[in-house]
PDB file of N, CA and C in Angstrom:
ATOM      1  N   UNK A   1       4.918  -6.420   9.849  1.00  0.00           N
ATOM      2  CA  UNK A   1       3.849  -7.784   9.362  1.00  0.00           C
ATOM      3  C   UNK A   1       3.786  -8.104   8.188  1.00  0.00           C
ATOM      4  N   UNK A   2       3.022  -9.243   8.373  1.00  0.00           N
ATOM      5  CA  UNK A   2       2.988 -10.025   7.015  1.00  0.00           C
ATOM      6  C   UNK A   2       1.402 -10.304   6.679  1.00  0.00           C
ATOM      7  N   UNK A   3       1.391 -10.401   5.262  1.00  0.00           N
ATOM      8  CA  UNK A   3      -0.122 -10.626   4.719  1.00  0.00           C
ATOM      9  C   UNK A   3      -0.250 -12.143   5.107  1.00  0.00           C
ATOM     10  N   UNK A   4      -1.482 -12.588   5.294  1.00  0.00           N
ATOM     11  CA  UNK A   4      -1.722 -14.000   5.278  1.00  0.00           C
ATOM     12  C   UNK A   4      -2.498 -14.340   4.174  1.00  0.00           C
ATOM     13  N   UNK A   5      -2.584 -13.680   2.958  1.00  0.00           N
ATOM     14  CA  UNK A   5      -3.427 -14.030   1.699  1.00  0.00           C
ATOM     15  C   UNK A   5      -4.793 -13.542   1.767  1.00  0.00           C
ATOM     16  N   UNK A   6      -5.100 -13.191   2.851  1.00  0.00           N
ATOM     17  CA  UNK A   6      -6.407 -12.861   2.964  1.00  0.00           C
ATOM     18  C   UNK A   6      -6.561 -11.472   2.761  1.00  0.00           C
ATOM     19  N   UNK A   7      -5.709 -10.790   2.814  1.00  0.00           N
ATOM     20  CA  UNK A   7      -5.587  -9.295   3.061  1.00  0.00           C
ATOM     21  C   UNK A   7      -5.557  -8.891   4.633  1.00  0.00           C
ATOM     22  N   UNK A   8      -5.606  -9.933   5.450  1.00  0.00           N
ATOM     23  CA  UNK A   8      -5.354  -9.237   6.728  1.00  0.00           C
ATOM     24  C   UNK A   8      -4.057  -9.304   6.896  1.00  0.00           C
ATOM     25  N   UNK A   9      -3.618  -8.550   8.055  1.00  0.00           N
ATOM     26  CA  UNK A   9      -2.171  -8.559   8.457  1.00  0.00           C
ATOM     27  C   UNK A   9      -2.080  -9.599   9.597  1.00  0.00           C
ATOM     28  N   UNK A  10      -0.954 -10.209   9.571  1.00  0.00           N
ATOM     29  CA  UNK A  10      -0.511 -10.959  10.642  1.00  0.00           C
ATOM     30  C   UNK A  10       0.988 -10.775  10.932  1.00  0.00           C
ATOM     31  N   UNK A  11       1.031 -10.791  12.417  1.00  0.00           N
ATOM     32  CA  UNK A  11       2.166 -10.493  13.253  1.00  0.00           C
ATOM     33  C   UNK A  11       3.347 -11.492  13.271  1.00  0.00           C
ATOM     34  N   UNK A  12       4.572 -11.335  13.113  1.00  0.00           N
ATOM     35  CA  UNK A  12       5.545 -12.468  13.399  1.00  0.00           C
ATOM     36  C   UNK A  12       5.393 -13.261  14.855  1.00  0.00           C
ATOM     37  N   UNK A  13       5.633 -14.387  14.801  1.00  0.00           N
ATOM     38  CA  UNK A  13       5.587 -15.414  16.012  1.00  0.00           C
ATOM     39  C   UNK A  13       6.159 -14.545  17.108  1.00  0.00           C
ATOM     40  N   UNK A  14       5.338 -14.144  18.408  1.00  0.00           N
ATOM     41  CA  UNK A  14       6.393 -13.703  19.217  1.00  0.00           C
ATOM     42  C   UNK A  14       6.508 -14.642  20.435  1.00  0.00           C
ATOM     43  N   UNK A  15       7.706 -14.884  20.998  1.00  0.00           N
ATOM     44  CA  UNK A  15       8.124 -15.926  21.673  1.00  0.00           C
ATOM     45  C   UNK A  15       7.861 -15.187  23.040  1.00  0.00           C
ATOM     46  N   UNK A  16       7.057 -15.634  23.983  1.00  0.00           N
ATOM     47  CA  UNK A  16       6.927 -15.336  25.711  1.00  0.00           C
ATOM     48  C   UNK A  16       8.733 -15.552  26.343  1.00  0.00           C
ATOM     49  N   UNK A  17       8.674 -14.669  26.758  1.00  0.00           N
ATOM     50  CA  UNK A  17      10.516 -15.014  27.588  1.00  0.00           C
ATOM     51  C   UNK A  17      10.396 -14.178  28.617  1.00  0.00           C
ATOM     52  N   UNK A  18      11.218 -14.614  29.664  1.00  0.00           N
ATOM     53  CA  UNK A  18      11.524 -14.136  31.039  1.00  0.00           C
ATOM     54  C   UNK A  18      13.247 -13.317  30.796  1.00  0.00           C
ATOM     55  N   UNK A  19      13.285 -12.349  30.675  1.00  0.00           N
ATOM     56  CA  UNK A  19      14.525 -11.767  30.523  1.00  0.00           C
ATOM     57  C   UNK A  19      14.608 -10.260  30.742  1.00  0.00           C
ATOM     58  N   UNK A  20      15.676  -9.878  30.732  1.00  0.00           N
ATOM     59  CA  UNK A  20      16.017  -8.354  31.360  1.00  0.00           C
ATOM     60  C   UNK A  20      16.498  -7.529  30.225  1.00  0.00           C
ATOM     61  N   UNK A  21      16.069  -6.059  29.846  1.00  0.00           N
ATOM     62  CA  UNK A  21      16.687  -5.642  29.153  1.00  0.00           C
ATOM     63  C   UNK A  21      17.358  -3.945  29.354  1.00  0.00           C
ATOM     64  N   UNK A  22      18.243  -3.641  29.009  1.00  0.00           N
ATOM     65  CA  UNK A  22      18.528  -2.519  29.537  1.00  0.00           C
ATOM     66  C   UNK A  22      18.516  -1.409  28.357  1.00  0.00           C
ATOM     67  N   UNK A  23      17.516  -0.452  28.394  1.00  0.00           N
ATOM     68  CA  UNK A  23      17.155   0.478  27.380  1.00  0.00           C
ATOM     69  C   UNK A  23      18.146   1.714  27.528  1.00  0.00           C
ATOM     70  N   UNK A  24      18.833   2.038  26.547  1.00  0.00           N
ATOM     71  CA  UNK A  24      19.383   3.618  26.450  1.00  0.00           C
ATOM     72  C   UNK A  24      19.092   4.510  25.587  1.00  0.00           C
ATOM     73  N   UNK A  25      18.606   5.465  25.998  1.00  0.00           N
ATOM     74  CA  UNK A  25      18.000   6.611  24.540  1.00  0.00           C
ATOM     75  C   UNK A  25      18.642   8.036  25.071  1.00  0.00           C
ATOM     76  N   UNK A  26      19.806   8.291  24.500  1.00  0.00           N
ATOM     77  CA  UNK A  26      20.290   9.531  24.783  1.00  0.00           C
ATOM     78  C   UNK A  26      20.669   9.448  26.177  1.00  0.00           C
ATOM     79  N   UNK A  27      20.572  10.274  27.226  1.00  0.00           N
ATOM     80  CA  UNK A  27      20.809  10.546  28.389  1.00  0.00           C
ATOM     81  C   UNK A  27      20.041   9.900  29.433  1.00  0.00           C
ATOM     82  N   UNK A  28      19.191   9.223  28.994  1.00  0.00           N
ATOM     83  CA  UNK A  28      18.188   8.171  29.843  1.00  0.00           C
ATOM     84  C   UNK A  28      18.431   6.662  29.691  1.00  0.00           C
ATOM     85  N   UNK A  29      18.243   6.217  30.693  1.00  0.00           N
ATOM     86  CA  UNK A  29      18.345   4.405  30.643  1.00  0.00           C
ATOM     87  C   UNK A  29      17.539   3.853  31.818  1.00  0.00           C
ATOM     88  N   UNK A  30      16.867   2.746  31.146  1.00  0.00           N
ATOM     89  CA  UNK A  30      16.099   2.063  32.074  1.00  0.00           C
ATOM     90  C   UNK A  30      16.392   0.488  32.010  1.00  0.00           C
ATOM     91  N   UNK A  31      15.995  -0.283  33.396  1.00  0.00           N
ATOM     92  CA  UNK A  31      15.989  -1.870  33.289  1.00  0.00           C
ATOM     93  C   UNK A  31      14.443  -2.210  33.503  1.00  0.00           C
ATOM     94  N   UNK A  32      14.292  -3.254  32.672  1.00  0.00           N
ATOM     95  CA  UNK A  32      12.878  -3.686  32.445  1.00  0.00           C
ATOM     96  C   UNK A  32      12.799  -5.030  31.913  1.00  0.00           C
ATOM     97  N   UNK A  33      11.601  -5.570  32.244  1.00  0.00           N
ATOM     98  CA  UNK A  33      11.479  -7.152  31.630  1.00  0.00           C
ATOM     99  C   UNK A  33      10.981  -7.267  30.522  1.00  0.00           C
ATOM    100  N   UNK A  34      11.466  -8.007  29.499  1.00  0.00           N
ATOM    101  CA  UNK A  34      10.831  -8.258  28.217  1.00  0.00           C
ATOM    102  C   UNK A  34       9.573  -9.323  28.294  1.00  0.00           C
ATOM    103  N   UNK A  35       8.684  -8.924  27.808  1.00  0.00           N
ATOM    104  CA  UNK A  35       7.547  -9.602  27.615  1.00  0.00           C
ATOM    105  C   UNK A  35       7.478 -10.775  26.586  1.00  0.00           C
ATOM    106  N   UNK A  36       8.080 -10.184  24.958  1.00  0.00           N
ATOM    107  CA  UNK A  36       8.294 -11.224  24.207  1.00  0.00           C
ATOM    108  C   UNK A  36       8.926 -10.494  23.406  1.00  0.00           C
ATOM    109  N   UNK A  37       9.677 -11.484  22.401  1.00  0.00           N
ATOM    110  CA  UNK A  37      10.635 -11.511  21.296  1.00  0.00           C
ATOM    111  C   UNK A  37      10.313 -11.920  20.261  1.00  0.00           C
ATOM    112  N   UNK A  38      10.472 -11.484  18.944  1.00  0.00           N
ATOM    113  CA  UNK A  38      10.148 -11.896  17.727  1.00  0.00           C
ATOM    114  C   UNK A  38      11.373 -11.699  17.002  1.00  0.00           C
ATOM    115  N   UNK A  39      11.343 -12.140  15.562  1.00  0.00           N
ATOM    116  CA  UNK A  39      12.347 -11.744  14.598  1.00  0.00           C
ATOM    117  C   UNK A  39      12.561 -10.392  14.487  1.00  0.00           C
ATOM    118  N   UNK A  40      11.618  -9.401  14.475  1.00  0.00           N
ATOM    119  CA  UNK A  40      11.787  -8.056  13.987  1.00  0.00           C
ATOM    120  C   UNK A  40      11.742  -7.140  15.340  1.00  0.00           C
ATOM    121  N   UNK A  41      11.254  -7.498  16.456  1.00  0.00           N
ATOM    122  CA  UNK A  41      11.559  -6.675  17.606  1.00  0.00           C
ATOM    123  C   UNK A  41      11.190  -7.522  18.922  1.00  0.00           C
ATOM    124  N   UNK A  42      10.834  -6.458  20.108  1.00  0.00           N
ATOM    125  CA  UNK A  42      10.571  -7.133  21.287  1.00  0.00           C
ATOM    126  C   UNK A  42       9.372  -6.073  22.174  1.00  0.00           C
ATOM    127  N   UNK A  43       8.707  -6.447  22.601  1.00  0.00           N
ATOM    128  CA  UNK A  43       8.082  -5.770  23.635  1.00  0.00           C
ATOM    129  C   UNK A  43       8.210  -5.896  25.292  1.00  0.00           C
ATOM    130  N   UNK A  44       8.624  -4.792  25.755  1.00  0.00           N
ATOM    131  CA  UNK A  44       8.930  -4.826  27.227  1.00  0.00           C
ATOM    132  C   UNK A  44       7.882  -4.010  28.071  1.00  0.00           C
ATOM    133  N   UNK A  45       7.836  -4.304  29.333  1.00  0.00           N
ATOM    134  CA  UNK A  45       7.107  -3.689  30.345  1.00  0.00           C
ATOM    135  C   UNK A  45       7.672  -2.274  30.299  1.00  0.00           C
ATOM    136  N   UNK A  46       6.628  -1.098  30.320  1.00  0.00           N
ATOM    137  CA  UNK A  46       7.316   0.049  30.242  1.00  0.00           C
ATOM    138  C   UNK A  46       7.880   0.401  31.616  1.00  0.00           C
ATOM    139  N   UNK A  47       8.859   1.046  31.302  1.00  0.00           N
ATOM    140  CA  UNK A  47       9.855   1.319  32.568  1.00  0.00           C
ATOM    141  C   UNK A  47       9.076   2.606  33.531  1.00  0.00           C
ATOM    142  N   UNK A  48       9.138   2.922  34.901  1.00  0.00           N
ATOM    143  CA  UNK A  48       8.731   4.108  35.353  1.00  0.00           C
ATOM    144  C   UNK A  48       9.614   5.307  34.706  1.00  0.00           C
ATOM    145  N   UNK A  49       9.020   6.113  34.876  1.00  0.00           N
ATOM    146  CA  UNK A  49       9.806   7.501  34.360  1.00  0.00           C
ATOM    147  C   UNK A  49       9.864   7.365  32.924  1.00  0.00           C
ATOM    148  N   UNK A  50       9.536   6.611  32.201  1.00  0.00           N
ATOM    149  CA  UNK A  50       9.452   6.689  30.768  1.00  0.00           C
ATOM    150  C   UNK A  50       9.302   7.779  29.861  1.00  0.00           C
ATOM    151  N   UNK A  51      10.059   8.075  29.168  1.00  0.00           N
ATOM    152  CA  UNK A  51      10.071   9.663  28.510  1.00  0.00           C
ATOM    153  C   UNK A  51       9.998   9.454  27.001  1.00  0.00           C
ATOM    154  N   UNK A  52      10.332   8.599  26.416  1.00  0.00           N
ATOM    155  CA  UNK A  52      10.630   8.491  25.026  1.00  0.00           C
ATOM    156  C   UNK A  52       9.247   8.032  24.193  1.00  0.00           C
ATOM    157  N   UNK A  53       9.010   8.666  23.000  1.00  0.00           N
ATOM    158  CA  UNK A  53       7.783   8.578  22.127  1.00  0.00           C
ATOM    159  C   UNK A  53       7.899   7.641  20.966  1.00  0.00           C
ATOM    160  N   UNK A  54       7.052   7.353  20.400  1.00  0.00           N
ATOM    161  CA  UNK A  54       7.090   6.434  19.174  1.00  0.00           C
ATOM    162  C   UNK A  54       8.121   7.380  18.130  1.00  0.00           C
ATOM    163  N   UNK A  55       8.918   6.538  17.461  1.00  0.00           N
ATOM    164  CA  UNK A  55       9.814   6.722  16.408  1.00  0.00           C
ATOM    165  C   UNK A  55      11.192   6.951  16.796  1.00  0.00           C
ATOM    166  N   UNK A  56      11.323   6.972  18.069  1.00  0.00           N
ATOM    167  CA  UNK A  56      12.699   7.640  18.791  1.00  0.00           C
ATOM    168  C   UNK A  56      13.725   6.067  18.936  1.00  0.00           C
ATOM    169  N   UNK A  57      14.712   6.377  18.619  1.00  0.00           N
ATOM    170  CA  UNK A  57      15.819   5.469  18.544  1.00  0.00           C
ATOM    171  C   UNK A  57      16.550   5.175  19.878  1.00  0.00           C
ATOM    172  N   UNK A  58      17.092   4.029  20.070  1.00  0.00           N
ATOM    173  CA  UNK A  58      17.949   3.813  21.252  1.00  0.00           C
ATOM    174  C   UNK A  58      18.770   2.529  21.198  1.00  0.00           C
ATOM    175  N   UNK A  59      19.479   2.091  22.293  1.00  0.00           N
ATOM    176  CA  UNK A  59      20.103   0.821  22.228  1.00  0.00           C
ATOM    177  C   UNK A  59      19.685   0.093  23.246  1.00  0.00           C
ATOM    178  N   UNK A  60      19.426  -1.198  22.790  1.00  0.00           N
ATOM    179  CA  UNK A  60      18.870  -2.260  23.710  1.00  0.00           C
ATOM    180  C   UNK A  60      20.414  -3.333  24.099  1.00  0.00           C
ATOM    181  N   UNK A  61      20.266  -3.744  25.391  1.00  0.00           N
ATOM    182  CA  UNK A  61      21.195  -4.884  25.832  1.00  0.00           C
ATOM    183  C   UNK A  61      20.058  -5.907  26.243  1.00  0.00           C
ATOM    184  N   UNK A  62      20.246  -6.756  25.674  1.00  0.00           N
ATOM    185  CA  UNK A  62      19.278  -8.033  26.226  1.00  0.00           C
ATOM    186  C   UNK A  62      19.978  -9.192  26.735  1.00  0.00           C
ATOM    187  N   UNK A  63      19.579  -9.652  27.811  1.00  0.00           N
ATOM    188  CA  UNK A  63      20.481 -10.820  28.586  1.00  0.00           C
ATOM    189  C   UNK A  63      19.464 -11.830  28.629  1.00  0.00           C
ATOM    190  N   UNK A  64      19.355 -12.762  27.743  1.00  0.00           N
ATOM    191  CA  UNK A  64      18.815 -13.978  27.401  1.00  0.00           C
ATOM    192  C   UNK A  64      19.479 -15.359  27.763  1.00  0.00           C
ATOM    193  N   UNK A  65      18.854 -15.936  28.589  1.00  0.00           N
ATOM    194  CA  UNK A  65      19.601 -17.202  29.364  1.00  0.00           C
ATOM    195  C   UNK A  65      20.630 -16.769  29.985  1.00  0.00           C
ATOM    196  N   UNK A  66      21.469 -17.740  30.401  1.00  0.00           N
ATOM    197  CA  UNK A  66      22.631 -17.769  31.172  1.00  0.00           C
ATOM    198  C   UNK A  66      23.862 -17.004  30.280  1.00  0.00           C
ATOM    199  N   UNK A  67      23.708 -17.322  28.998  1.00  0.00           N
ATOM    200  CA  UNK A  67      25.277 -17.047  28.438  1.00  0.00           C
ATOM    201  C   UNK A  67      24.956 -16.007  27.048  1.00  0.00           C
ATOM    202  N   UNK A  68      23.792 -15.621  26.968  1.00  0.00           N
ATOM    203  CA  UNK A  68      23.415 -14.842  25.304  1.00  0.00           C
ATOM    204  C   UNK A  68      23.400 -13.189  25.831  1.00  0.00           C
ATOM    205  N   UNK A  69      23.970 -12.271  25.599  1.00  0.00           N
ATOM    206  CA  UNK A  69      24.042 -10.771  25.562  1.00  0.00           C
ATOM    207  C   UNK A  69      24.047 -10.349  24.196  1.00  0.00           C
ATOM    208  N   UNK A  70      22.858  -9.762  23.835  1.00  0.00           N
ATOM    209  CA  UNK A  70      22.797  -9.001  22.469  1.00  0.00           C
ATOM    210  C   UNK A  70      22.539  -7.533  22.695  1.00  0.00           C
ATOM    211  N   UNK A  71      23.404  -6.839  22.268  1.00  0.00           N
ATOM    212  CA  UNK A  71      23.524  -5.555  21.960  1.00  0.00           C
ATOM    213  C   UNK A  71      23.094  -4.979  20.639  1.00  0.00           C
ATOM    214  N   UNK A  72      22.187  -4.446  20.545  1.00  0.00           N
ATOM    215  CA  UNK A  72      21.322  -3.980  19.338  1.00  0.00           C
ATOM    216  C   UNK A  72      20.515  -2.493  19.419  1.00  0.00           C
ATOM    217  N   UNK A  73      20.685  -1.961  18.246  1.00  0.00           N
ATOM    218  CA  UNK A  73      19.786  -0.710  18.102  1.00  0.00           C
ATOM    219  C   UNK A  73      18.039  -0.966  17.762  1.00  0.00           C
ATOM    220  N   UNK A  74      17.186  -0.262  18.229  1.00  0.00           N
ATOM    221  CA  UNK A  74      15.944  -0.171  18.105  1.00  0.00           C
ATOM    222  C   UNK A  74      15.492   0.984  18.088  1.00  0.00           C
ATOM    223  N   UNK A  75      13.960   1.002  17.552  1.00  0.00           N
ATOM    224  CA  UNK A  75      13.495   2.164  17.586  1.00  0.00           C
ATOM    225  C   UNK A  75      11.885   1.631  18.046  1.00  0.00           C
ATOM    226  N   UNK A  76      11.090   2.865  18.725  1.00  0.00           N
ATOM    227  CA  UNK A  76      10.178   2.606  19.704  1.00  0.00           C
ATOM    228  C   UNK A  76       8.931   2.531  18.563  1.00  0.00           C
ATOM    229  N   UNK A  77       8.297   1.580  18.456  1.00  0.00           N
ATOM    230  CA  UNK A  77       6.797   1.553  17.566  1.00  0.00           C
ATOM    231  C   UNK A  77       5.693   1.396  18.056  1.00  0.00           C
ATOM    232  N   UNK A  78       5.847   1.219  19.321  1.00  0.00           N
ATOM    233  CA  UNK A  78       4.350   0.802  20.377  1.00  0.00           C
ATOM    234  C   UNK A  78       4.455   1.102  21.505  1.00  0.00           C
ATOM    235  N   UNK A  79       3.240   2.239  22.147  1.00  0.00           N
ATOM    236  CA  UNK A  79       3.521   2.530  23.561  1.00  0.00           C
ATOM    237  C   UNK A  79       2.128   2.417  23.907  1.00  0.00           C
ATOM    238  N   UNK A  80       2.022   1.729  25.063  1.00  0.00           N
ATOM    239  CA  UNK A  80       0.731   1.409  25.756  1.00  0.00           C
ATOM    240  C   UNK A  80       1.106   1.987  27.077  1.00  0.00           C
ATOM    241  N   UNK A  81      -0.072   2.072  28.230  1.00  0.00           N
ATOM    242  CA  UNK A  81       0.420   2.653  29.516  1.00  0.00           C
ATOM    243  C   UNK A  81       1.352   1.645  30.299  1.00  0.00           C
ATOM    244  N   UNK A  82       1.129   0.215  29.669  1.00  0.00           N
ATOM    245  CA  UNK A  82       2.102  -0.726  30.552  1.00  0.00           C
ATOM    246  C   UNK A  82       3.381  -1.136  29.638  1.00  0.00           C
ATOM    247  N   UNK A  83       3.134  -1.131  28.644  1.00  0.00           N
ATOM    248  CA  UNK A  83       4.308  -1.651  27.583  1.00  0.00           C
ATOM    249  C   UNK A  83       4.872  -0.975  26.771  1.00  0.00           C
ATOM    250  N   UNK A  84       6.197  -1.264  26.058  1.00  0.00           N
ATOM    251  CA  UNK A  84       6.796  -0.527  24.843  1.00  0.00           C
ATOM    252  C   UNK A  84       7.209  -1.444  23.917  1.00  0.00           C
ATOM    253  N   UNK A  85       6.779  -1.215  22.442  1.00  0.00           N
ATOM    254  CA  UNK A  85       7.150  -2.240  21.550  1.00  0.00           C
ATOM    255  C   UNK A  85       8.196  -1.582  20.749  1.00  0.00           C
ATOM    256  N   UNK A  86       9.530  -2.311  20.448  1.00  0.00           N
ATOM    257  CA  UNK A  86      10.711  -1.776  19.836  1.00  0.00           C
ATOM    258  C   UNK A  86      10.849  -2.681  18.302  1.00  0.00           C
ATOM    259  N   UNK A  87      11.479  -2.062  17.501  1.00  0.00           N
ATOM    260  CA  UNK A  87      11.497  -2.825  16.333  1.00  0.00           C
ATOM    261  C   UNK A  87      12.940  -2.697  15.840  1.00  0.00           C
ATOM    262  N   UNK A  88      13.660  -3.861  15.706  1.00  0.00           N
ATOM    263  CA  UNK A  88      15.252  -3.846  15.439  1.00  0.00           C
ATOM    264  C   UNK A  88      15.730  -2.822  14.195  1.00  0.00           C
ATOM    265  N   UNK A  89      16.625  -2.091  14.528  1.00  0.00           N
ATOM    266  CA  UNK A  89      17.062  -1.310  13.417  1.00  0.00           C
ATOM    267  C   UNK A  89      18.549  -2.036  12.937  1.00  0.00           C
ATOM    268  N   UNK A  90      19.319  -2.369  13.959  1.00  0.00           N
ATOM    269  CA  UNK A  90      20.536  -3.176  13.633  1.00  0.00           C
ATOM    270  C   UNK A  90      20.964  -3.949  14.743  1.00  0.00           C
ATOM    271  N   UNK A  91      21.134  -5.153  14.219  1.00  0.00           N
ATOM    272  CA  UNK A  91      21.341  -6.493  14.788  1.00  0.00           C
ATOM    273  C   UNK A  91      23.126  -6.706  14.518  1.00  0.00           C
ATOM    274  N   UNK A  92      23.934  -6.806  15.879  1.00  0.00           N
ATOM    275  CA  UNK A  92      25.361  -7.165  15.041  1.00  0.00           C
ATOM    276  C   UNK A  92      25.219  -8.507  14.603  1.00  0.00           C
ATOM    277  N   UNK A  93      26.034  -8.685  13.271  1.00  0.00           N
ATOM    278  CA  UNK A  93      26.480  -9.643  12.666  1.00  0.00           C
ATOM    279  C   UNK A  93      26.618 -10.979  13.459  1.00  0.00           C
ATOM    280  N   UNK A  94      27.720 -10.723  14.487  1.00  0.00           N
ATOM    281  CA  UNK A  94      27.909 -11.937  15.211  1.00  0.00           C
ATOM    282  C   UNK A  94      26.936 -12.452  16.413  1.00  0.00           C
ATOM    283  N   UNK A  95      25.845 -11.612  16.580  1.00  0.00           N
ATOM    284  CA  UNK A  95      24.674 -12.090  17.344  1.00  0.00           C
ATOM    285  C   UNK A  95      23.657 -12.671  16.700  1.00  0.00           C
ATOM    286  N   UNK A  96      23.482 -12.230  15.189  1.00  0.00           N
ATOM    287  CA  UNK A  96      22.207 -12.887  14.564  1.00  0.00           C
ATOM    288  C   UNK A  96      21.752 -14.145  14.718  1.00  0.00           C
ATOM    289  N   UNK A  97      22.952 -15.147  14.651  1.00  0.00           N
ATOM    290  CA  UNK A  97      22.763 -16.564  14.599  1.00  0.00           C
ATOM    291  C   UNK A  97      22.245 -16.834  15.893  1.00  0.00           C
ATOM    292  N   UNK A  98      22.804 -16.184  17.047  1.00  0.00           N
ATOM    293  CA  UNK A  98      22.184 -16.958  18.200  1.00  0.00           C
ATOM    294  C   UNK A  98      20.652 -16.454  18.339  1.00  0.00           C
ATOM    295  N   UNK A  99      20.232 -15.074  17.793  1.00  0.00           N
ATOM    296  CA  UNK A  99      19.029 -14.626  17.976  1.00  0.00           C
ATOM    297  C   UNK A  99      18.078 -15.625  17.464  1.00  0.00           C
ATOM    298  N   UNK A 100      18.250 -15.859  15.768  1.00  0.00           N
ATOM    299  CA  UNK A 100      17.619 -16.671  15.250  1.00  0.00           C
ATOM    300  C   UNK A 100      17.283 -18.023  15.543  1.00  0.00           C
ATOM    301  N   UNK A 101      18.688 -18.730  16.159  1.00  0.00           N
ATOM    302  CA  UNK A 101      18.500 -20.085  16.728  1.00  0.00           C
ATOM    303  C   UNK A 101      17.446 -20.052  18.160  1.00  0.00           C
ATOM    304  N   UNK A 102      17.563 -19.074  18.650  1.00  0.00           N
ATOM    305  CA  UNK A 102      16.661 -18.604  19.868  1.00  0.00           C
ATOM    306  C   UNK A 102      15.068 -18.972  19.304  1.00  0.00           C
ATOM    307  N   UNK A 103      14.876 -17.998  18.427  1.00  0.00           N
ATOM    308  CA  UNK A 103      13.483 -17.764  17.792  1.00  0.00           C
ATOM    309  C   UNK A 103      12.939 -19.040  16.903  1.00  0.00           C
ATOM    310  N   UNK A 104      13.964 -19.721  16.094  1.00  0.00           N
ATOM    311  CA  UNK A 104      13.631 -20.566  15.327  1.00  0.00           C
ATOM    312  C   UNK A 104      12.912 -21.836  15.864  1.00  0.00           C
ATOM    313  N   UNK A 105      13.330 -22.298  16.853  1.00  0.00           N
ATOM    314  CA  UNK A 105      12.875 -23.764  17.561  1.00  0.00           C
ATOM    315  C   UNK A 105      11.466 -23.517  17.818  1.00  0.00           C
ATOM    316  N   UNK A 106      11.042 -21.931  18.278  1.00  0.00           N
ATOM    317  CA  UNK A 106       9.743 -21.175  18.803  1.00  0.00           C
ATOM    318  C   UNK A 106       8.781 -21.416  17.501  1.00  0.00           C
ATOM    319  N   UNK A 107       9.405 -20.787  16.529  1.00  0.00           N
ATOM    320  CA  UNK A 107       8.558 -20.698  15.361  1.00  0.00           C
ATOM    321  C   UNK A 107       8.183 -21.869  14.771  1.00  0.00           C
ATOM    322  N   UNK A 108       9.025 -22.862  14.852  1.00  0.00           N
ATOM    323  CA  UNK A 108       8.876 -24.349  13.984  1.00  0.00           C
ATOM    324  C   UNK A 108       7.655 -25.012  14.988  1.00  0.00           C
ATOM    325  N   UNK A 109       7.933 -24.587  15.981  1.00  0.00           N
ATOM    326  CA  UNK A 109       6.837 -25.195  17.032  1.00  0.00           C
ATOM    327  C   UNK A 109       5.127 -24.660  16.967  1.00  0.00           C
ATOM    328  N   UNK A 110       5.257 -23.176  16.505  1.00  0.00           N
ATOM    329  CA  UNK A 110       4.196 -22.538  16.160  1.00  0.00           C
ATOM    330  C   UNK A 110       3.583 -22.855  14.643  1.00  0.00           C
ATOM    331  N   UNK A 111       4.365 -23.403  14.177  1.00  0.00           N
ATOM    332  CA  UNK A 111       3.877 -23.925  12.565  1.00  0.00           C
ATOM    333  C   UNK A 111       3.396 -25.150  12.435  1.00  0.00           C
ATOM    334  N   UNK A 112       3.418 -26.241  13.610  1.00  0.00           N
ATOM    335  CA  UNK A 112       2.618 -27.354  13.871  1.00  0.00           C
ATOM    336  C   UNK A 112       1.087 -27.041  14.101  1.00  0.00           C
ATOM    337  N   UNK A 113       0.691 -28.207  13.338  1.00  0.00           N
ATOM    338  CA  UNK A 113      -1.018 -28.091  13.657  1.00  0.00           C
ATOM    339  C   UNK A 113      -1.162 -28.112  14.871  1.00  0.00           C
ATOM    340  N   UNK A 114      -2.385 -27.490  14.958  1.00  0.00           N
ATOM    341  CA  UNK A 114      -2.881 -27.156  16.413  1.00  0.00           C
ATOM    342  C   UNK A 114      -2.174 -26.406  17.195  1.00  0.00           C
ATOM    343  N   UNK A 115      -1.051 -25.652  16.964  1.00  0.00           N
ATOM    344  CA  UNK A 115      -0.170 -24.583  17.577  1.00  0.00           C
ATOM    345  C   UNK A 115      -1.358 -23.544  17.652  1.00  0.00           C
ATOM    346  N   UNK A 116      -1.089 -22.782  19.020  1.00  0.00           N
ATOM    347  CA  UNK A 116      -1.741 -21.613  19.460  1.00  0.00           C
ATOM    348  C   UNK A 116      -0.781 -20.444  18.332  1.00  0.00           C
ATOM    349  N   UNK A 117      -1.747 -19.462  17.794  1.00  0.00           N
ATOM    350  CA  UNK A 117      -1.025 -18.266  17.318  1.00  0.00           C
ATOM    351  C   UNK A 117      -1.290 -16.848  18.140  1.00  0.00           C
ATOM    352  N   UNK A 118      -0.155 -16.207  18.347  1.00  0.00           N
ATOM    353  CA  UNK A 118      -0.360 -14.929  18.949  1.00  0.00           C
ATOM    354  C   UNK A 118      -0.658 -13.769  18.114  1.00  0.00           C
ATOM    355  N   UNK A 119      -1.823 -13.311  18.599  1.00  0.00           N
ATOM    356  CA  UNK A 119      -2.066 -12.240  17.641  1.00  0.00           C
ATOM    357  C   UNK A 119      -1.790 -11.076  18.370  1.00  0.00           C
ATOM    358  N   UNK A 120      -1.124 -10.860  19.193  1.00  0.00           N
ATOM    359  CA  UNK A 120      -0.836  -9.654  20.389  1.00  0.00           C
ATOM    360  C   UNK A 120      -0.013  -8.652  19.353  1.00  0.00           C
TER     361      UNK A 120
END
């Protein structure tokens, strides 16, 4: 999170996206849909049979668009009855540029006057 100067916390811009993620944590794995993605993590639909708790780490394989596959490490930061939030802990150097490019255009549009901000 960032501070907005008023002492209030502000979340990074989250880009809504339709995508699939494969989550692997120890002997468990799930396929789920990505709700949104940000520079620091992503928010997914909570898979059936979910067993991991906050603070646990795993590997995510994201399929973004037709030709972008990102394999990264992340930890669980938020759990709701319907969603799981992850924070990236490691992004391969060869995928960083592709991820930042994907998010960059969205963030630039969010900075425009009159753009809606996501407080989720």
